[in-house]
Amino acid sequence: MRRLLLVVLVPVVALVLAGCAVTPSTPDEFALVQYPNAGFQGFYSQTAAAKKSIDMEMYELVDETEVRALEAAAQRGVTVRVLLDQKYAVKAKNQRAFDELTSHGVQVRWADAGTIFHAKVTTFDGITSDISSANLTSQYYAATRDAEIVDTYPVHVKAIEQTFANDWNGGDPATDEAGAPGLVWSPDSESAMVDLLKSAKTSVDFMSEELSDPYIYRALASDAARGVRCRIVMTDSPDWATGFATAKQSGCAVHVVPDTPAGFYVHEKLIVIDG
């Protein structure tokens, strides 16, 4: 089981949830940050500017600059809560940050041991949520393509905070606020992603670290087969050979970045539908 979060940005529409009108989002409530060019100074600045609270759910935290910024926030009276993954080898990577933060007044907990908490989500003061594909692992910043959405849409931020509270308190990892329009949560996100791909009318641009899910690469192939311009950009790996071949056979253009120690690594998870 994996805990993930994706944000889907669509044209502004009126929304109705459970019989109640929901104020539609507006374009200025979202900002895209793309790494490595943007750098992480913006994220550090958000941490430094927090006045009341920081809630972080992070797969890997191995960035000393951010660790110190979180400690400084706690020391100036901000309530800082950090939920770190412990599944597989990542616990060893996160242990130093866990110990250091704990010793400096930050509330730190391990996520459920039976679940991969692969989310990278941080909410500042209950009003801004950074939803990212990037781990806070500084050694990879310079040569890794990642993306982040800075989300200030209140409906989203409220749902993210409620889901964080569930995870923080050891609730069922399958519980989430999936009813918030435009948020797609794992587990059980596959059908929503397939539906998104099927909605393409003219084009689909797809970037990902992995492509082993047959439902996803078949949906991409289906798009191409019905005339949708399909483009895939990923780091090369034999693990995705079947996905690449299936997509190519139906007309998807696949561009692979060589997987070399000195190369540029595609870690981003981004889909653009119809521009």
C-alpha atoms as a PDB file:
ATOM      1  CA  MET A   1       0.000   0.000   0.000  1.00  0.00           C
ATOM      2  CA  ARG A   2       1.235   3.473  -0.898  1.00  0.00           C
ATOM      3  CA  ARG A   3       0.155   6.883   0.312  1.00  0.00           C
ATOM      4  CA  LEU A   4       0.549   9.381  -2.531  1.00  0.00           C
ATOM      5  CA  LEU A   5      -1.088  12.670  -3.457  1.00  0.00           C
ATOM      6  CA  LEU A   6      -1.514  14.236  -6.868  1.00  0.00           C
ATOM      7  CA  VAL A   7      -3.205  17.531  -7.660  1.00  0.00           C
ATOM      8  CA  VAL A   8      -5.259  17.879 -10.834  1.00  0.00           C
ATOM      9  CA  LEU A   9      -5.605  21.420 -12.174  1.00  0.00           C
ATOM     10  CA  VAL A  10      -8.574  21.928 -14.492  1.00  0.00           C
ATOM     11  CA  PRO A  11     -10.416  24.948 -15.936  1.00  0.00           C
ATOM     12  CA  VAL A  12     -12.407  26.837 -13.321  1.00  0.00           C
ATOM     13  CA  VAL A  13     -15.883  25.357 -12.948  1.00  0.00           C
ATOM     14  CA  ALA A  14     -18.706  25.483 -10.436  1.00  0.00           C
ATOM     15  CA  LEU A  15     -18.525  22.498  -8.097  1.00  0.00           C
ATOM     16  CA  VAL A  16     -21.094  20.720  -5.968  1.00  0.00           C
ATOM     17  CA  LEU A  17     -20.076  18.205  -3.310  1.00  0.00           C
ATOM     18  CA  ALA A  18     -22.553  16.245  -1.188  1.00  0.00           C
ATOM     19  CA  GLY A  19     -25.292  18.690  -2.063  1.00  0.00           C
ATOM     20  CA  CYS A  20     -23.269  21.735  -0.974  1.00  0.00           C
ATOM     21  CA  ALA A  21     -21.869  24.360  -3.312  1.00  0.00           C
ATOM     22  CA  VAL A  22     -18.091  24.644  -3.249  1.00  0.00           C
ATOM     23  CA  THR A  23     -16.338  27.861  -4.214  1.00  0.00           C
ATOM     24  CA  PRO A  24     -14.456  27.092  -7.437  1.00  0.00           C
ATOM     25  CA  SER A  25     -10.712  27.431  -7.522  1.00  0.00           C
ATOM     26  CA  THR A  26      -9.015  30.245  -9.403  1.00  0.00           C
ATOM     27  CA  PRO A  27      -5.713  30.165 -11.326  1.00  0.00           C
ATOM     28  CA  ASP A  28      -3.934  32.406  -8.817  1.00  0.00           C
ATOM     29  CA  GLU A  29      -4.466  29.775  -6.099  1.00  0.00           C
ATOM     30  CA  PHE A  30      -1.884  27.503  -7.754  1.00  0.00           C
ATOM     31  CA  ALA A  31       1.753  27.980  -8.697  1.00  0.00           C
ATOM     32  CA  LEU A  32       4.066  25.546 -10.468  1.00  0.00           C
ATOM     33  CA  VAL A  33       7.671  25.162  -9.314  1.00  0.00           C
ATOM     34  CA  GLN A  34       9.989  23.070 -11.481  1.00  0.00           C
ATOM     35  CA  TYR A  35      13.301  21.755 -10.271  1.00  0.00           C
ATOM     36  CA  PRO A  36      16.252  21.879 -10.571  1.00  0.00           C
ATOM     37  CA  ASN A  37      16.179  25.389 -12.072  1.00  0.00           C
ATOM     38  CA  ALA A  38      13.954  26.900  -9.361  1.00  0.00           C
ATOM     39  CA  GLY A  39      16.165  25.714  -6.522  1.00  0.00           C
ATOM     40  CA  PHE A  40      14.826  25.081  -3.026  1.00  0.00           C
ATOM     41  CA  GLN A  41      15.264  28.572  -1.591  1.00  0.00           C
ATOM     42  CA  GLY A  42      11.545  29.199  -2.016  1.00  0.00           C
ATOM     43  CA  PHE A  43      10.737  26.189   0.144  1.00  0.00           C
ATOM     44  CA  TYR A  44      13.245  27.266   2.801  1.00  0.00           C
ATOM     45  CA  SER A  45      11.678  30.745   2.762  1.00  0.00           C
ATOM     46  CA  GLN A  46       8.209  29.296   3.331  1.00  0.00           C
ATOM     47  CA  THR A  47       9.533  27.416   6.354  1.00  0.00           C
ATOM     48  CA  ALA A  48      11.203  30.561   7.676  1.00  0.00           C
ATOM     49  CA  ALA A  49       8.027  32.621   7.188  1.00  0.00           C
ATOM     50  CA  ALA A  50       5.641  30.230   8.951  1.00  0.00           C
ATOM     51  CA  LYS A  51       3.942  31.843  11.928  1.00  0.00           C
ATOM     52  CA  LYS A  52       1.645  29.196  13.419  1.00  0.00           C
ATOM     53  CA  SER A  53       2.155  25.690  12.047  1.00  0.00           C
ATOM     54  CA  ILE A  54       4.059  23.426   9.681  1.00  0.00           C
ATOM     55  CA  ASP A  55       2.723  19.935   8.901  1.00  0.00           C
ATOM     56  CA  MET A  56       5.098  17.853   6.792  1.00  0.00           C
ATOM     57  CA  GLU A  57       4.593  14.340   5.419  1.00  0.00           C
ATOM     58  CA  MET A  58       7.860  13.353   3.765  1.00  0.00           C
ATOM     59  CA  TYR A  59       9.278  10.180   2.238  1.00  0.00           C
ATOM     60  CA  GLU A  60      12.923  11.228   2.589  1.00  0.00           C
ATOM     61  CA  LEU A  61      14.311  14.094   4.690  1.00  0.00           C
ATOM     62  CA  VAL A  62      18.070  14.344   4.257  1.00  0.00           C
ATOM     63  CA  ASP A  63      18.446  18.101   3.762  1.00  0.00           C
ATOM     64  CA  GLU A  64      20.321  19.740   6.639  1.00  0.00           C
ATOM     65  CA  THR A  65      19.261  23.234   5.579  1.00  0.00           C
ATOM     66  CA  GLU A  66      15.573  22.338   5.849  1.00  0.00           C
ATOM     67  CA  VAL A  67      16.126  20.409   9.085  1.00  0.00           C
ATOM     68  CA  ARG A  68      17.680  23.523  10.643  1.00  0.00           C
ATOM     69  CA  ALA A  69      14.859  25.685   9.274  1.00  0.00           C
ATOM     70  CA  LEU A  70      12.263  23.390  10.866  1.00  0.00           C
ATOM     71  CA  GLU A  71      14.136  23.531  14.180  1.00  0.00           C
ATOM     72  CA  ALA A  72      14.303  27.314  14.018  1.00  0.00           C
ATOM     73  CA  ALA A  73      10.560  27.453  13.361  1.00  0.00           C
ATOM     74  CA  ALA A  74       9.859  25.315  16.431  1.00  0.00           C
ATOM     75  CA  GLN A  75      12.158  27.484  18.552  1.00  0.00           C
ATOM     76  CA  ARG A  76      10.215  30.632  17.611  1.00  0.00           C
ATOM     77  CA  GLY A  77       6.940  29.040  18.709  1.00  0.00           C
ATOM     78  CA  VAL A  78       5.628  27.476  15.498  1.00  0.00           C
ATOM     79  CA  THR A  79       3.963  24.077  15.963  1.00  0.00           C
ATOM     80  CA  VAL A  80       6.022  21.814  13.696  1.00  0.00           C
ATOM     81  CA  ARG A  81       4.913  18.247  13.022  1.00  0.00           C
ATOM     82  CA  VAL A  82       6.910  15.971  10.723  1.00  0.00           C
ATOM     83  CA  LEU A  83       5.744  12.513   9.660  1.00  0.00           C
ATOM     84  CA  LEU A  84       8.577  10.438   8.195  1.00  0.00           C
ATOM     85  CA  ASP A  85       8.433   7.216   6.237  1.00  0.00           C
ATOM     86  CA  GLN A  86      10.041   4.118   7.753  1.00  0.00           C
ATOM     87  CA  LYS A  87       9.241   1.438   5.173  1.00  0.00           C
ATOM     88  CA  TYR A  88      12.207  -0.497   3.758  1.00  0.00           C
ATOM     89  CA  ALA A  89      15.624   1.230   3.796  1.00  0.00           C
ATOM     90  CA  VAL A  90      14.232   4.752   4.032  1.00  0.00           C
ATOM     91  CA  LYS A  91      14.049   4.595   7.837  1.00  0.00           C
ATOM     92  CA  ALA A  92      17.836   4.486   8.024  1.00  0.00           C
ATOM     93  CA  LYS A  93      18.010   7.537   5.745  1.00  0.00           C
ATOM     94  CA  ASN A  94      15.500   9.436   7.866  1.00  0.00           C
ATOM     95  CA  GLN A  95      16.868   8.436  11.284  1.00  0.00           C
ATOM     96  CA  ARG A  96      19.338  11.317  11.576  1.00  0.00           C
ATOM     97  CA  ALA A  97      16.661  13.916  10.823  1.00  0.00           C
ATOM     98  CA  PHE A  98      14.257  12.163  13.207  1.00  0.00           C
ATOM     99  CA  ASP A  99      16.758  12.310  16.072  1.00  0.00           C
ATOM    100  CA  GLU A 100      17.946  15.853  15.389  1.00  0.00           C
ATOM    101  CA  LEU A 101      14.463  17.321  15.013  1.00  0.00           C
ATOM    102  CA  THR A 102      13.231  15.557  18.137  1.00  0.00           C
ATOM    103  CA  SER A 103      16.081  17.002  20.174  1.00  0.00           C
ATOM    104  CA  HIS A 104      15.207  20.536  19.029  1.00  0.00           C
ATOM    105  CA  GLY A 105      11.524  20.679  19.904  1.00  0.00           C
ATOM    106  CA  VAL A 106      10.005  19.427  16.673  1.00  0.00           C
ATOM    107  CA  GLN A 107       7.226  16.850  16.952  1.00  0.00           C
ATOM    108  CA  VAL A 108       8.300  13.878  14.832  1.00  0.00           C
ATOM    109  CA  ARG A 109       6.610  10.545  14.261  1.00  0.00           C
ATOM    110  CA  TRP A 110       7.190   7.518  12.081  1.00  0.00           C
ATOM    111  CA  ALA A 111       4.481   6.751   9.562  1.00  0.00           C
ATOM    112  CA  ASP A 112       2.692   3.400   9.663  1.00  0.00           C
ATOM    113  CA  ALA A 113       5.325   0.682   9.149  1.00  0.00           C
ATOM    114  CA  GLY A 114       3.112  -1.344   6.847  1.00  0.00           C
ATOM    115  CA  THR A 115       2.636   1.440   4.308  1.00  0.00           C
ATOM    116  CA  ILE A 116       4.971   3.295   1.952  1.00  0.00           C
ATOM    117  CA  PHE A 117       4.222   6.926   2.762  1.00  0.00           C
ATOM    118  CA  HIS A 118       5.603   8.213  -0.501  1.00  0.00           C
ATOM    119  CA  ALA A 119       3.869  11.597  -0.254  1.00  0.00           C
ATOM    120  CA  LYS A 120       5.901  14.812  -0.210  1.00  0.00           C
ATOM    121  CA  VAL A 121       3.414  17.325   1.156  1.00  0.00           C
ATOM    122  CA  THR A 122       4.007  20.279   3.495  1.00  0.00           C
ATOM    123  CA  THR A 123       1.324  22.685   4.739  1.00  0.00           C
ATOM    124  CA  PHE A 124       2.267  26.075   6.147  1.00  0.00           C
ATOM    125  CA  ASP A 125      -0.036  27.898   8.617  1.00  0.00           C
ATOM    126  CA  GLY A 126      -3.013  25.890   7.387  1.00  0.00           C
ATOM    127  CA  ILE A 127      -3.274  28.055   4.258  1.00  0.00           C
ATOM    128  CA  THR A 128      -0.634  26.823   1.782  1.00  0.00           C
ATOM    129  CA  SER A 129       0.202  23.246   0.813  1.00  0.00           C
ATOM    130  CA  ASP A 130       3.270  22.342  -1.232  1.00  0.00           C
ATOM    131  CA  ILE A 131       2.544  19.127  -3.144  1.00  0.00           C
ATOM    132  CA  SER A 132       5.787  17.849  -4.613  1.00  0.00           C
ATOM    133  CA  SER A 133       7.403  14.970  -6.428  1.00  0.00           C
ATOM    134  CA  ALA A 134      10.742  15.916  -4.837  1.00  0.00           C
ATOM    135  CA  ASN A 135      12.188  14.340  -1.735  1.00  0.00           C
ATOM    136  CA  LEU A 136      14.112  16.642   0.592  1.00  0.00           C
ATOM    137  CA  THR A 137      17.407  14.965  -0.307  1.00  0.00           C
ATOM    138  CA  SER A 138      19.826  17.717  -1.234  1.00  0.00           C
ATOM    139  CA  GLN A 139      22.445  15.521  -2.906  1.00  0.00           C
ATOM    140  CA  TYR A 140      20.043  14.999  -5.822  1.00  0.00           C
ATOM    141  CA  TYR A 141      18.765  18.560  -6.247  1.00  0.00           C
ATOM    142  CA  ALA A 142      21.141  19.717  -8.967  1.00  0.00           C
ATOM    143  CA  ALA A 143      20.604  16.901 -11.449  1.00  0.00           C
ATOM    144  CA  THR A 144      16.997  15.801 -10.925  1.00  0.00           C
ATOM    145  CA  ARG A 145      13.845  16.943 -12.709  1.00  0.00           C
ATOM    146  CA  ASP A 146      11.023  17.374 -10.202  1.00  0.00           C
ATOM    147  CA  ALA A 147       7.870  19.455  -9.912  1.00  0.00           C
ATOM    148  CA  GLU A 148       5.841  21.038  -7.135  1.00  0.00           C
ATOM    149  CA  ILE A 149       2.414  22.660  -6.967  1.00  0.00           C
ATOM    150  CA  VAL A 150       2.022  25.416  -4.375  1.00  0.00           C
ATOM    151  CA  ASP A 151      -1.678  25.148  -3.568  1.00  0.00           C
ATOM    152  CA  THR A 152      -3.625  27.801  -1.651  1.00  0.00           C
ATOM    153  CA  TYR A 153      -7.117  26.632  -2.674  1.00  0.00           C
ATOM    154  CA  PRO A 154      -8.867  26.384   0.739  1.00  0.00           C
ATOM    155  CA  VAL A 155     -10.854  23.253  -0.184  1.00  0.00           C
ATOM    156  CA  HIS A 156      -7.615  21.442  -1.017  1.00  0.00           C
ATOM    157  CA  VAL A 157      -5.656  22.690   1.979  1.00  0.00           C
ATOM    158  CA  LYS A 158      -8.421  21.671   4.381  1.00  0.00           C
ATOM    159  CA  ALA A 159      -8.569  18.168   2.881  1.00  0.00           C
ATOM    160  CA  ILE A 160      -4.776  17.812   3.010  1.00  0.00           C
ATOM    161  CA  GLU A 161      -4.694  18.877   6.649  1.00  0.00           C
ATOM    162  CA  GLN A 162      -7.491  16.453   7.552  1.00  0.00           C
ATOM    163  CA  THR A 163      -5.651  13.611   5.837  1.00  0.00           C
ATOM    164  CA  PHE A 164      -2.413  14.588   7.564  1.00  0.00           C
ATOM    165  CA  ALA A 165      -4.234  14.426  10.911  1.00  0.00           C
ATOM    166  CA  ASN A 166      -5.434  10.920  10.053  1.00  0.00           C
ATOM    167  CA  ASP A 167      -1.926   9.790   9.154  1.00  0.00           C
ATOM    168  CA  TRP A 168      -0.334  11.587  12.126  1.00  0.00           C
ATOM    169  CA  ASN A 169      -2.701   9.844  14.539  1.00  0.00           C
ATOM    170  CA  GLY A 170      -2.094   6.394  13.061  1.00  0.00           C
ATOM    171  CA  GLY A 171      -5.397   6.130  11.214  1.00  0.00           C
ATOM    172  CA  ASP A 172      -6.095   3.744   8.358  1.00  0.00           C
ATOM    173  CA  PRO A 173      -3.755   4.799   5.496  1.00  0.00           C
ATOM    174  CA  ALA A 174      -6.574   4.082   3.048  1.00  0.00           C
ATOM    175  CA  THR A 175      -8.535   6.970   4.612  1.00  0.00           C
ATOM    176  CA  ASP A 176      -8.308  10.309   2.832  1.00  0.00           C
ATOM    177  CA  GLU A 177     -10.296  13.350   1.851  1.00  0.00           C
ATOM    178  CA  ALA A 178     -10.616  12.188  -1.739  1.00  0.00           C
ATOM    179  CA  GLY A 179     -13.893  14.098  -2.098  1.00  0.00           C
ATOM    180  CA  ALA A 180     -11.988  17.371  -2.515  1.00  0.00           C
ATOM    181  CA  PRO A 181     -12.184  18.212  -6.236  1.00  0.00           C
ATOM    182  CA  GLY A 182      -8.847  18.024  -7.981  1.00  0.00           C
ATOM    183  CA  LEU A 183      -7.031  15.895  -5.394  1.00  0.00           C
ATOM    184  CA  VAL A 184      -6.141  12.317  -6.306  1.00  0.00           C
ATOM    185  CA  TRP A 185      -4.910  10.145  -3.435  1.00  0.00           C
ATOM    186  CA  SER A 186      -3.300   6.747  -3.253  1.00  0.00           C
ATOM    187  CA  PRO A 187      -4.020   4.051  -2.422  1.00  0.00           C
ATOM    188  CA  ASP A 188      -6.743   3.457  -5.046  1.00  0.00           C
ATOM    189  CA  SER A 189      -5.761   6.238  -7.459  1.00  0.00           C
ATOM    190  CA  GLU A 190      -5.255   4.067 -10.540  1.00  0.00           C
ATOM    191  CA  SER A 191      -8.750   4.440 -11.977  1.00  0.00           C
ATOM    192  CA  ALA A 192      -8.687   8.228 -11.535  1.00  0.00           C
ATOM    193  CA  MET A 193      -5.396   8.445 -13.427  1.00  0.00           C
ATOM    194  CA  VAL A 194      -6.666   6.220 -16.217  1.00  0.00           C
ATOM    195  CA  ASP A 195      -9.810   8.337 -16.501  1.00  0.00           C
ATOM    196  CA  LEU A 196      -7.645  11.456 -16.714  1.00  0.00           C
ATOM    197  CA  LEU A 197      -5.640   9.969 -19.581  1.00  0.00           C
ATOM    198  CA  LYS A 198      -8.804   8.828 -21.349  1.00  0.00           C
ATOM    199  CA  SER A 199     -10.158  12.388 -21.183  1.00  0.00           C
ATOM    200  CA  ALA A 200      -7.475  13.672 -23.580  1.00  0.00           C
ATOM    201  CA  LYS A 201      -8.865  15.031 -26.849  1.00  0.00           C
ATOM    202  CA  THR A 202      -5.851  16.494 -28.614  1.00  0.00           C
ATOM    203  CA  SER A 203      -2.655  15.826 -26.648  1.00  0.00           C
ATOM    204  CA  VAL A 204      -1.088  14.160 -23.646  1.00  0.00           C
ATOM    205  CA  ASP A 205       2.419  14.914 -22.368  1.00  0.00           C
ATOM    206  CA  PHE A 206       3.611  12.401 -19.771  1.00  0.00           C
ATOM    207  CA  MET A 207       6.644  12.512 -17.481  1.00  0.00           C
ATOM    208  CA  SER A 208       7.305   9.936 -14.781  1.00  0.00           C
ATOM    209  CA  GLU A 209      10.030   8.102 -12.952  1.00  0.00           C
ATOM    210  CA  GLU A 210       8.367   4.718 -13.506  1.00  0.00           C
ATOM    211  CA  LEU A 211       6.040   3.137 -16.056  1.00  0.00           C
ATOM    212  CA  SER A 212       5.220  -0.417 -15.044  1.00  0.00           C
ATOM    213  CA  ASP A 213       1.443  -0.164 -14.573  1.00  0.00           C
ATOM    214  CA  PRO A 214      -0.226  -1.789 -17.616  1.00  0.00           C
ATOM    215  CA  TYR A 215      -3.425   0.200 -17.110  1.00  0.00           C
ATOM    216  CA  ILE A 216      -1.461   3.439 -17.425  1.00  0.00           C
ATOM    217  CA  TYR A 217       0.677   2.593 -20.446  1.00  0.00           C
ATOM    218  CA  ARG A 218      -2.299   1.002 -22.212  1.00  0.00           C
ATOM    219  CA  ALA A 219      -4.291   4.200 -21.618  1.00  0.00           C
ATOM    220  CA  LEU A 220      -1.447   6.191 -23.177  1.00  0.00           C
ATOM    221  CA  ALA A 221      -1.369   3.780 -26.111  1.00  0.00           C
ATOM    222  CA  SER A 222      -5.134   4.055 -26.499  1.00  0.00           C
ATOM    223  CA  ASP A 223      -4.855   7.847 -26.656  1.00  0.00           C
ATOM    224  CA  ALA A 224      -2.310   7.609 -29.469  1.00  0.00           C
ATOM    225  CA  ALA A 225      -4.358   5.002 -31.324  1.00  0.00           C
ATOM    226  CA  ARG A 226      -7.347   7.348 -31.514  1.00  0.00           C
ATOM    227  CA  GLY A 227      -5.281  10.251 -32.795  1.00  0.00           C
ATOM    228  CA  VAL A 228      -4.255  12.058 -29.619  1.00  0.00           C
ATOM    229  CA  ARG A 229      -0.679  13.373 -29.802  1.00  0.00           C
ATOM    230  CA  CYS A 230       1.131  11.384 -27.131  1.00  0.00           C
ATOM    231  CA  ARG A 231       4.614  12.251 -25.860  1.00  0.00           C
ATOM    232  CA  ILE A 232       6.514  10.489 -23.073  1.00  0.00           C
ATOM    233  CA  VAL A 233       9.758  11.728 -21.468  1.00  0.00           C
ATOM    234  CA  MET A 234      11.490   9.456 -18.935  1.00  0.00           C
ATOM    235  CA  THR A 235      14.858   8.261 -17.785  1.00  0.00           C
ATOM    236  CA  ASP A 236      15.774   5.109 -19.695  1.00  0.00           C
ATOM    237  CA  SER A 237      15.496   1.750 -17.937  1.00  0.00           C
ATOM    238  CA  PRO A 238      14.853  -1.821 -19.063  1.00  0.00           C
ATOM    239  CA  ASP A 239      12.225  -2.004 -16.329  1.00  0.00           C
ATOM    240  CA  TRP A 240       9.919   0.163 -18.460  1.00  0.00           C
ATOM    241  CA  ALA A 241      10.640  -1.581 -21.780  1.00  0.00           C
ATOM    242  CA  THR A 242       7.176  -3.132 -22.005  1.00  0.00           C
ATOM    243  CA  GLY A 243       5.487   0.169 -21.298  1.00  0.00           C
ATOM    244  CA  PHE A 244       7.644   1.997 -23.844  1.00  0.00           C
ATOM    245  CA  ALA A 245       7.048  -0.658 -26.500  1.00  0.00           C
ATOM    246  CA  THR A 246       3.284  -0.696 -25.972  1.00  0.00           C
ATOM    247  CA  ALA A 247       3.063   3.077 -26.208  1.00  0.00           C
ATOM    248  CA  LYS A 248       5.334   3.260 -29.262  1.00  0.00           C
ATOM    249  CA  GLN A 249       3.366   0.617 -31.142  1.00  0.00           C
ATOM    250  CA  SER A 250       0.286   2.813 -30.987  1.00  0.00           C
ATOM    251  CA  GLY A 251       2.092   5.977 -32.015  1.00  0.00           C
ATOM    252  CA  CYS A 252       3.335   7.579 -28.801  1.00  0.00           C
ATOM    253  CA  ALA A 253       6.628   9.422 -29.149  1.00  0.00           C
ATOM    254  CA  VAL A 254       8.978   8.212 -26.411  1.00  0.00           C
ATOM    255  CA  HIS A 255      12.068  10.234 -25.523  1.00  0.00           C
ATOM    256  CA  VAL A 256      14.417   8.603 -23.028  1.00  0.00           C
ATOM    257  CA  VAL A 257      17.126  10.363 -21.049  1.00  0.00           C
ATOM    258  CA  PRO A 258      20.222   8.173 -20.633  1.00  0.00           C
ATOM    259  CA  ASP A 259      20.599   6.751 -17.145  1.00  0.00           C
ATOM    260  CA  THR A 260      24.174   7.679 -16.288  1.00  0.00           C
ATOM    261  CA  PRO A 261      25.787   8.736 -12.978  1.00  0.00           C
ATOM    262  CA  ALA A 262      26.479  12.194 -14.380  1.00  0.00           C
ATOM    263  CA  GLY A 263      23.161  12.440 -16.229  1.00  0.00           C
ATOM    264  CA  PHE A 264      19.891  14.267 -15.681  1.00  0.00           C
ATOM    265  CA  TYR A 265      17.383  12.086 -13.807  1.00  0.00           C
ATOM    266  CA  VAL A 266      13.633  12.364 -14.436  1.00  0.00           C
ATOM    267  CA  HIS A 267      11.914  11.994 -11.061  1.00  0.00           C
ATOM    268  CA  GLU A 268       8.967  14.252 -11.917  1.00  0.00           C
ATOM    269  CA  LYS A 269       5.427  12.900 -12.142  1.00  0.00           C
ATOM    270  CA  LEU A 270       3.550  15.254 -14.434  1.00  0.00           C
ATOM    271  CA  ILE A 271       0.751  14.803 -16.975  1.00  0.00           C
ATOM    272  CA  VAL A 272      -0.466  17.635 -19.210  1.00  0.00           C
ATOM    273  CA  ILE A 273      -3.768  16.978 -20.993  1.00  0.00           C
ATOM    274  CA  ASP A 274      -4.789  19.060 -24.049  1.00  0.00           C
ATOM    275  CA  GLY A 275      -2.280  21.755 -23.174  1.00  0.00           C
END
